[in-house]
PDB file of N, CA and C in Angstrom:
ATOM      1  N   MET A   1     -11.426   5.451   9.079  1.00  0.00           N
ATOM      2  CA  MET A   1     -10.429   4.470   9.563  1.00  0.00           C
ATOM      3  C   MET A   1      -9.786   3.588   8.769  1.00  0.00           C
ATOM      4  N   LEU A   2     -10.327   2.664   7.827  1.00  0.00           N
ATOM      5  CA  LEU A   2      -9.804   1.887   6.883  1.00  0.00           C
ATOM      6  C   LEU A   2      -8.913   2.591   6.115  1.00  0.00           C
ATOM      7  N   VAL A   3      -9.345   3.499   5.613  1.00  0.00           N
ATOM      8  CA  VAL A   3      -8.435   4.436   4.679  1.00  0.00           C
ATOM      9  C   VAL A   3      -6.940   5.100   5.495  1.00  0.00           C
ATOM     10  N   LEU A   4      -7.181   5.375   6.571  1.00  0.00           N
ATOM     11  CA  LEU A   4      -5.957   5.939   7.603  1.00  0.00           C
ATOM     12  C   LEU A   4      -5.165   4.592   7.909  1.00  0.00           C
ATOM     13  N   LEU A   5      -6.087   3.457   8.241  1.00  0.00           N
ATOM     14  CA  LEU A   5      -5.218   2.193   8.766  1.00  0.00           C
ATOM     15  C   LEU A   5      -4.336   2.091   7.055  1.00  0.00           C
ATOM     16  N   ALA A   6      -5.016   1.858   6.049  1.00  0.00           N
ATOM     17  CA  ALA A   6      -4.100   1.302   4.786  1.00  0.00           C
ATOM     18  C   ALA A   6      -3.155   2.436   4.445  1.00  0.00           C
ATOM     19  N   PHE A   7      -3.515   4.091   5.064  1.00  0.00           N
ATOM     20  CA  PHE A   7      -1.921   4.519   4.828  1.00  0.00           C
ATOM     21  C   PHE A   7      -0.967   4.494   5.697  1.00  0.00           C
ATOM     22  N   LEU A   8      -1.205   4.138   6.969  1.00  0.00           N
ATOM     23  CA  LEU A   8      -0.712   4.005   8.191  1.00  0.00           C
ATOM     24  C   LEU A   8       0.493   2.430   7.721  1.00  0.00           C
ATOM     25  N   LEU A   9      -0.375   1.553   7.312  1.00  0.00           N
ATOM     26  CA  LEU A   9       0.369   0.350   6.925  1.00  0.00           C
ATOM     27  C   LEU A   9       1.471   0.522   5.769  1.00  0.00           C
ATOM     28  N   LEU A  10       0.997   1.451   4.668  1.00  0.00           N
ATOM     29  CA  LEU A  10       1.954   1.949   3.414  1.00  0.00           C
ATOM     30  C   LEU A  10       2.782   2.729   4.046  1.00  0.00           C
ATOM     31  N   GLN A  11       2.988   3.465   4.996  1.00  0.00           N
ATOM     32  CA  GLN A  11       4.124   4.058   5.504  1.00  0.00           C
ATOM     33  C   GLN A  11       4.792   3.061   6.269  1.00  0.00           C
ATOM     34  N   ALA A  12       4.336   2.030   6.836  1.00  0.00           N
ATOM     35  CA  ALA A  12       5.357   1.256   7.498  1.00  0.00           C
ATOM     36  C   ALA A  12       5.822   0.181   6.891  1.00  0.00           C
ATOM     37  N   HIS A  13       5.610   0.334   5.341  1.00  0.00           N
ATOM     38  CA  HIS A  13       5.976  -0.683   4.683  1.00  0.00           C
ATOM     39  C   HIS A  13       5.860  -1.945   4.716  1.00  0.00           C
ATOM     40  N   LYS A  14       4.282  -2.114   5.263  1.00  0.00           N
ATOM     41  CA  LYS A  14       3.715  -3.499   5.451  1.00  0.00           C
ATOM     42  C   LYS A  14       2.806  -3.661   4.034  1.00  0.00           C
ATOM     43  N   LEU A  15       2.360  -2.788   3.559  1.00  0.00           N
ATOM     44  CA  LEU A  15       1.686  -2.908   2.401  1.00  0.00           C
ATOM     45  C   LEU A  15       2.246  -2.126   1.085  1.00  0.00           C
ATOM     46  N   HIS A  16       2.259  -2.573   0.190  1.00  0.00           N
ATOM     47  CA  HIS A  16       2.450  -1.947  -1.207  1.00  0.00           C
ATOM     48  C   HIS A  16       1.453  -1.142  -1.709  1.00  0.00           C
ATOM     49  N   GLY A  17       1.471  -0.070  -2.201  1.00  0.00           N
ATOM     50  CA  GLY A  17       0.764   1.037  -2.826  1.00  0.00           C
ATOM     51  C   GLY A  17       0.124   0.511  -3.847  1.00  0.00           C
ATOM     52  N   ASN A  18       0.981  -0.442  -4.603  1.00  0.00           N
ATOM     53  CA  ASN A  18      -0.072  -1.129  -5.935  1.00  0.00           C
ATOM     54  C   ASN A  18      -0.457  -2.250  -5.318  1.00  0.00           C
ATOM     55  N   GLY A  19      -0.809  -2.713  -4.393  1.00  0.00           N
ATOM     56  CA  GLY A  19      -1.055  -3.953  -3.784  1.00  0.00           C
ATOM     57  C   GLY A  19      -2.418  -4.260  -3.600  1.00  0.00           C
ATOM     58  N   LEU A  20      -3.542  -5.424  -3.974  1.00  0.00           N
ATOM     59  CA  LEU A  20      -4.491  -5.609  -3.772  1.00  0.00           C
ATOM     60  C   LEU A  20      -5.293  -4.903  -2.490  1.00  0.00           C
ATOM     61  N   ILE A  21      -4.561  -5.533  -1.630  1.00  0.00           N
ATOM     62  CA  ILE A  21      -5.093  -5.461  -0.104  1.00  0.00           C
ATOM     63  C   ILE A  21      -5.011  -3.648  -0.125  1.00  0.00           C
ATOM     64  N   TYR A  22      -4.217  -3.099  -0.458  1.00  0.00           N
ATOM     65  CA  TYR A  22      -4.145  -1.721   0.072  1.00  0.00           C
ATOM     66  C   TYR A  22      -5.171  -0.567  -0.683  1.00  0.00           C
ATOM     67  N   GLN A  23      -5.350  -1.425  -2.157  1.00  0.00           N
ATOM     68  CA  GLN A  23      -6.270  -0.537  -3.238  1.00  0.00           C
ATOM     69  C   GLN A  23      -7.942  -1.023  -2.543  1.00  0.00           C
ATOM     70  N   LEU A  24      -7.891  -2.247  -1.915  1.00  0.00           N
ATOM     71  CA  LEU A  24      -9.547  -2.743  -1.663  1.00  0.00           C
ATOM     72  C   LEU A  24      -9.656  -2.031  -0.124  1.00  0.00           C
ATOM     73  N   MET A  25      -8.510  -1.709   0.203  1.00  0.00           N
ATOM     74  CA  MET A  25      -8.708  -1.040   2.058  1.00  0.00           C
ATOM     75  C   MET A  25      -9.332   0.403   1.563  1.00  0.00           C
ATOM     76  N   ASN A  26      -8.813   1.118   0.598  1.00  0.00           N
ATOM     77  CA  ASN A  26      -9.143   2.255  -0.154  1.00  0.00           C
ATOM     78  C   ASN A  26     -10.106   2.494  -0.596  1.00  0.00           C
ATOM     79  N   VAL A  27     -10.596   1.574  -1.150  1.00  0.00           N
ATOM     80  CA  VAL A  27     -12.061   1.493  -2.080  1.00  0.00           C
ATOM     81  C   VAL A  27     -13.143   1.334  -0.932  1.00  0.00           C
ATOM     82  N   LEU A  28     -13.073   0.114  -0.165  1.00  0.00           N
ATOM     83  CA  LEU A  28     -14.136  -0.169   0.729  1.00  0.00           C
ATOM     84  C   LEU A  28     -13.822   1.415   1.805  1.00  0.00           C
ATOM     85  N   GLY A  29     -13.013   1.693   2.238  1.00  0.00           N
ATOM     86  CA  GLY A  29     -12.937   2.985   2.901  1.00  0.00           C
ATOM     87  C   GLY A  29     -13.664   4.228   2.420  1.00  0.00           C
ATOM     88  N   ALA A  30     -13.624   4.398   1.137  1.00  0.00           N
ATOM     89  CA  ALA A  30     -14.331   5.222   0.481  1.00  0.00           C
ATOM     90  C   ALA A  30     -15.716   4.949   0.211  1.00  0.00           C
ATOM     91  N   ILE A  31     -16.273   3.941   0.309  1.00  0.00           N
ATOM     92  CA  ILE A  31     -17.455   3.718   0.270  1.00  0.00           C
ATOM     93  C   ILE A  31     -17.994   3.522   1.439  1.00  0.00           C
ATOM     94  N   GLY A  32     -17.334   3.185   2.673  1.00  0.00           N
ATOM     95  CA  GLY A  32     -17.728   3.820   4.028  1.00  0.00           C
ATOM     96  C   GLY A  32     -18.187   5.084   4.283  1.00  0.00           C
ATOM     97  N   VAL A  33     -17.213   5.952   3.776  1.00  0.00           N
ATOM     98  CA  VAL A  33     -17.803   7.694   4.023  1.00  0.00           C
ATOM     99  C   VAL A  33     -18.577   7.811   3.165  1.00  0.00           C
ATOM    100  N   MET A  34     -18.590   7.389   2.071  1.00  0.00           N
ATOM    101  CA  MET A  34     -19.815   7.571   1.088  1.00  0.00           C
ATOM    102  C   MET A  34     -21.399   7.256   1.672  1.00  0.00           C
ATOM    103  N   LEU A  35     -21.506   6.405   2.322  1.00  0.00           N
ATOM    104  CA  LEU A  35     -22.647   6.069   3.020  1.00  0.00           C
ATOM    105  C   LEU A  35     -22.826   6.521   4.249  1.00  0.00           C
ATOM    106  N   SER A  36     -21.650   6.979   4.946  1.00  0.00           N
ATOM    107  CA  SER A  36     -21.814   7.747   6.446  1.00  0.00           C
ATOM    108  C   SER A  36     -22.095   9.376   5.628  1.00  0.00           C
ATOM    109  N   LEU A  37     -22.120   9.853   4.729  1.00  0.00           N
ATOM    110  CA  LEU A  37     -22.499  11.065   4.340  1.00  0.00           C
ATOM    111  C   LEU A  37     -23.922  11.076   3.887  1.00  0.00           C
ATOM    112  N   LEU A  38     -24.150  10.030   2.927  1.00  0.00           N
ATOM    113  CA  LEU A  38     -25.504   9.786   2.481  1.00  0.00           C
ATOM    114  C   LEU A  38     -26.523   9.472   3.477  1.00  0.00           C
ATOM    115  N   PHE A  39     -26.399   8.872   4.809  1.00  0.00           N
ATOM    116  CA  PHE A  39     -27.316   8.436   5.811  1.00  0.00           C
ATOM    117  C   PHE A  39     -26.922   9.422   6.714  1.00  0.00           C
ATOM    118  N   GLY A  40     -26.399  10.421   6.699  1.00  0.00           N
ATOM    119  CA  GLY A  40     -25.984  11.062   8.009  1.00  0.00           C
ATOM    120  C   GLY A  40     -25.956  12.460   7.595  1.00  0.00           C
ATOM    121  N   SER A  41     -24.840  13.628   7.702  1.00  0.00           N
ATOM    122  CA  SER A  41     -25.111  15.134   7.438  1.00  0.00           C
ATOM    123  C   SER A  41     -24.457  14.913   6.206  1.00  0.00           C
ATOM    124  N   PHE A  42     -24.971  15.253   5.032  1.00  0.00           N
ATOM    125  CA  PHE A  42     -24.409  15.254   3.316  1.00  0.00           C
ATOM    126  C   PHE A  42     -23.396  16.292   3.156  1.00  0.00           C
ATOM    127  N   ASN A  43     -22.488  16.368   2.660  1.00  0.00           N
ATOM    128  CA  ASN A  43     -21.488  17.348   2.477  1.00  0.00           C
ATOM    129  C   ASN A  43     -21.115  17.072   1.017  1.00  0.00           C
ATOM    130  N   ALA A  44     -21.714  17.811  -0.111  1.00  0.00           N
ATOM    131  CA  ALA A  44     -21.490  17.743  -1.317  1.00  0.00           C
ATOM    132  C   ALA A  44     -19.786  17.380  -1.845  1.00  0.00           C
ATOM    133  N   SER A  45     -19.080  18.365  -1.346  1.00  0.00           N
ATOM    134  CA  SER A  45     -17.658  18.246  -1.572  1.00  0.00           C
ATOM    135  C   SER A  45     -16.671  17.227  -1.278  1.00  0.00           C
ATOM    136  N   ALA A  46     -17.089  16.700   0.068  1.00  0.00           N
ATOM    137  CA  ALA A  46     -16.798  15.425   0.730  1.00  0.00           C
ATOM    138  C   ALA A  46     -17.103  14.264   0.076  1.00  0.00           C
ATOM    139  N   PHE A  47     -18.538  14.044  -0.363  1.00  0.00           N
ATOM    140  CA  PHE A  47     -18.951  13.140  -1.316  1.00  0.00           C
ATOM    141  C   PHE A  47     -18.249  13.023  -2.471  1.00  0.00           C
ATOM    142  N   PHE A  48     -18.171  13.958  -3.110  1.00  0.00           N
ATOM    143  CA  PHE A  48     -17.409  13.721  -4.420  1.00  0.00           C
ATOM    144  C   PHE A  48     -15.954  13.463  -4.227  1.00  0.00           C
ATOM    145  N   MET A  49     -15.260  13.789  -3.447  1.00  0.00           N
ATOM    146  CA  MET A  49     -13.882  13.536  -3.025  1.00  0.00           C
ATOM    147  C   MET A  49     -13.890  12.324  -2.947  1.00  0.00           C
ATOM    148  N   GLN A  50     -14.881  11.455  -2.238  1.00  0.00           N
ATOM    149  CA  GLN A  50     -14.891  10.098  -1.909  1.00  0.00           C
ATOM    150  C   GLN A  50     -15.184   9.561  -2.950  1.00  0.00           C
ATOM    151  N   VAL A  51     -16.023  10.123  -4.097  1.00  0.00           N
ATOM    152  CA  VAL A  51     -16.141   9.268  -5.295  1.00  0.00           C
ATOM    153  C   VAL A  51     -14.920   9.257  -6.273  1.00  0.00           C
ATOM    154  N   ALA A  52     -14.279  10.315  -5.872  1.00  0.00           N
ATOM    155  CA  ALA A  52     -12.945  10.349  -6.802  1.00  0.00           C
ATOM    156  C   ALA A  52     -11.628   9.273  -6.257  1.00  0.00           C
ATOM    157  N   TRP A  53     -11.928   8.981  -5.001  1.00  0.00           N
ATOM    158  CA  TRP A  53     -11.077   8.314  -4.267  1.00  0.00           C
ATOM    159  C   TRP A  53     -11.468   6.829  -4.906  1.00  0.00           C
ATOM    160  N   LEU A  54     -12.650   6.532  -4.664  1.00  0.00           N
ATOM    161  CA  LEU A  54     -13.398   5.012  -5.067  1.00  0.00           C
ATOM    162  C   LEU A  54     -12.973   4.768  -6.516  1.00  0.00           C
ATOM    163  N   LEU A  55     -13.258   5.858  -7.518  1.00  0.00           N
ATOM    164  CA  LEU A  55     -12.798   5.761  -8.975  1.00  0.00           C
ATOM    165  C   LEU A  55     -11.373   5.405  -8.867  1.00  0.00           C
ATOM    166  N   ILE A  56     -10.111   6.343  -8.175  1.00  0.00           N
ATOM    167  CA  ILE A  56      -9.018   5.834  -8.276  1.00  0.00           C
ATOM    168  C   ILE A  56      -8.503   4.354  -7.966  1.00  0.00           C
ATOM    169  N   GLY A  57      -9.329   3.963  -6.606  1.00  0.00           N
ATOM    170  CA  GLY A  57      -8.866   2.653  -6.201  1.00  0.00           C
ATOM    171  C   GLY A  57      -9.003   1.666  -7.130  1.00  0.00           C
ATOM    172  N   ILE A  58     -10.369   1.822  -7.721  1.00  0.00           N
ATOM    173  CA  ILE A  58     -11.185   1.124  -9.006  1.00  0.00           C
ATOM    174  C   ILE A  58      -9.858   0.725 -10.026  1.00  0.00           C
ATOM    175  N   PHE A  59      -9.350   1.971 -10.494  1.00  0.00           N
ATOM    176  CA  PHE A  59      -8.615   1.939 -11.283  1.00  0.00           C
ATOM    177  C   PHE A  59      -7.306   1.210 -11.068  1.00  0.00           C
ATOM    178  N   GLY A  60      -6.887   1.498  -9.927  1.00  0.00           N
ATOM    179  CA  GLY A  60      -5.612   0.878  -9.214  1.00  0.00           C
ATOM    180  C   GLY A  60      -6.018  -0.474  -9.215  1.00  0.00           C
ATOM    181  N   ILE A  61      -6.901  -1.055  -8.855  1.00  0.00           N
ATOM    182  CA  ILE A  61      -7.322  -2.523  -8.779  1.00  0.00           C
ATOM    183  C   ILE A  61      -7.507  -3.186 -10.278  1.00  0.00           C
ATOM    184  N   ALA A  62      -8.038  -2.487 -11.058  1.00  0.00           N
ATOM    185  CA  ALA A  62      -7.917  -2.907 -12.357  1.00  0.00           C
ATOM    186  C   ALA A  62      -6.473  -3.234 -13.307  1.00  0.00           C
ATOM    187  N   ARG A  63      -5.591  -1.841 -12.804  1.00  0.00           N
ATOM    188  CA  ARG A  63      -4.249  -1.825 -13.476  1.00  0.00           C
ATOM    189  C   ARG A  63      -3.481  -3.172 -13.010  1.00  0.00           C
ATOM    190  N   GLY A  64      -3.531  -2.944 -11.859  1.00  0.00           N
ATOM    191  CA  GLY A  64      -2.797  -4.000 -10.825  1.00  0.00           C
ATOM    192  C   GLY A  64      -3.145  -5.420 -11.751  1.00  0.00           C
ATOM    193  N   MET A  65      -4.482  -5.987 -11.785  1.00  0.00           N
ATOM    194  CA  MET A  65      -5.038  -7.213 -12.640  1.00  0.00           C
ATOM    195  C   MET A  65      -4.334  -7.477 -13.791  1.00  0.00           C
ATOM    196  N   ARG A  66      -4.363  -6.082 -14.583  1.00  0.00           N
ATOM    197  CA  ARG A  66      -3.814  -6.385 -15.771  1.00  0.00           C
ATOM    198  C   ARG A  66      -2.225  -6.637 -16.054  1.00  0.00           C
ATOM    199  N   ILE A  67      -1.617  -5.983 -14.920  1.00  0.00           N
ATOM    200  CA  ILE A  67      -0.241  -6.449 -14.808  1.00  0.00           C
ATOM    201  C   ILE A  67       0.054  -7.677 -14.611  1.00  0.00           C
ATOM    202  N   ARG A  68      -0.718  -8.044 -13.444  1.00  0.00           N
ATOM    203  CA  ARG A  68      -0.177  -9.433 -12.785  1.00  0.00           C
ATOM    204  C   ARG A  68      -0.777 -10.605 -13.939  1.00  0.00           C
ATOM    205  N   ARG A  69      -1.843 -10.186 -14.965  1.00  0.00           N
ATOM    206  CA  ARG A  69      -2.051 -11.046 -15.826  1.00  0.00           C
ATOM    207  C   ARG A  69      -1.329 -11.114 -17.427  1.00  0.00           C
ATOM    208  N   GLU A  70      -0.784  -9.756 -17.325  1.00  0.00           N
ATOM    209  CA  GLU A  70       0.205  -9.765 -18.742  1.00  0.00           C
ATOM    210  C   GLU A  70       1.548 -10.629 -17.860  1.00  0.00           C
ATOM    211  N   ALA A  71       1.760 -10.379 -16.690  1.00  0.00           N
ATOM    212  CA  ALA A  71       2.863 -11.094 -16.299  1.00  0.00           C
ATOM    213  C   ALA A  71       3.225 -12.440 -16.118  1.00  0.00           C
ATOM    214  N   ARG A  72       1.618 -13.330 -15.673  1.00  0.00           N
ATOM    215  CA  ARG A  72       1.013 -14.417 -15.845  1.00  0.00           C
ATOM    216  C   ARG A  72       1.593 -14.891 -17.196  1.00  0.00           C
ATOM    217  N   ASP A  73       0.800 -14.507 -17.866  1.00  0.00           N
ATOM    218  CA  ASP A  73       0.988 -14.680 -19.681  1.00  0.00           C
ATOM    219  C   ASP A  73       2.597 -14.500 -20.194  1.00  0.00           C
ATOM    220  N   LYS A  74       3.327 -13.807 -19.818  1.00  0.00           N
ATOM    221  CA  LYS A  74       4.544 -13.737 -20.151  1.00  0.00           C
ATOM    222  C   LYS A  74       5.428 -14.978 -19.535  1.00  0.00           C
ATOM    223  N   GLY A  75       5.027 -15.473 -18.730  1.00  0.00           N
ATOM    224  CA  GLY A  75       5.771 -16.661 -17.696  1.00  0.00           C
ATOM    225  C   GLY A  75       5.374 -18.018 -18.680  1.00  0.00           C
ATOM    226  N   ARG A  76       4.113 -17.992 -19.179  1.00  0.00           N
ATOM    227  CA  ARG A  76       3.452 -19.098 -19.757  1.00  0.00           C
ATOM    228  C   ARG A  76       4.381 -19.496 -21.275  1.00  0.00           C
ATOM    229  N   TYR A  77       5.102 -18.204 -21.840  1.00  0.00           N
ATOM    230  CA  TYR A  77       5.237 -18.284 -23.049  1.00  0.00           C
ATOM    231  C   TYR A  77       6.479 -19.205 -23.123  1.00  0.00           C
ATOM    232  N   ILE A  78       6.442 -19.911 -24.324  1.00  0.00           N
ATOM    233  CA  ILE A  78       7.146 -20.891 -24.709  1.00  0.00           C
ATOM    234  C   ILE A  78       8.021 -20.543 -26.047  1.00  0.00           C
ATOM    235  N   ALA A  79       9.200 -20.237 -26.145  1.00  0.00           N
ATOM    236  CA  ALA A  79       9.940 -19.884 -27.037  1.00  0.00           C
ATOM    237  C   ALA A  79       9.977 -20.955 -27.963  1.00  0.00           C
ATOM    238  N   PRO A  80       9.728 -20.688 -29.693  1.00  0.00           N
ATOM    239  CA  PRO A  80       9.801 -21.690 -30.399  1.00  0.00           C
ATOM    240  C   PRO A  80      11.082 -22.281 -30.712  1.00  0.00           C
TER     241      PRO A  80
END
């Protein structure tokens, strides 16, 4: 549900695709599906798809953090 809600909010322009909230919703949603597959009826292809979804979400979070840090650092630059 969390992944679908994230996608709905993205389509409704309530979230940004590169925003932290959107990425966290995707990561937590993927973890939830992975746990349900581990403790329920395991499906390898669905599990590995969620692993990929999780890794892409983590990449998005890391990239967003790097971009925000670089923008913050540029804002602190004082010309000589």
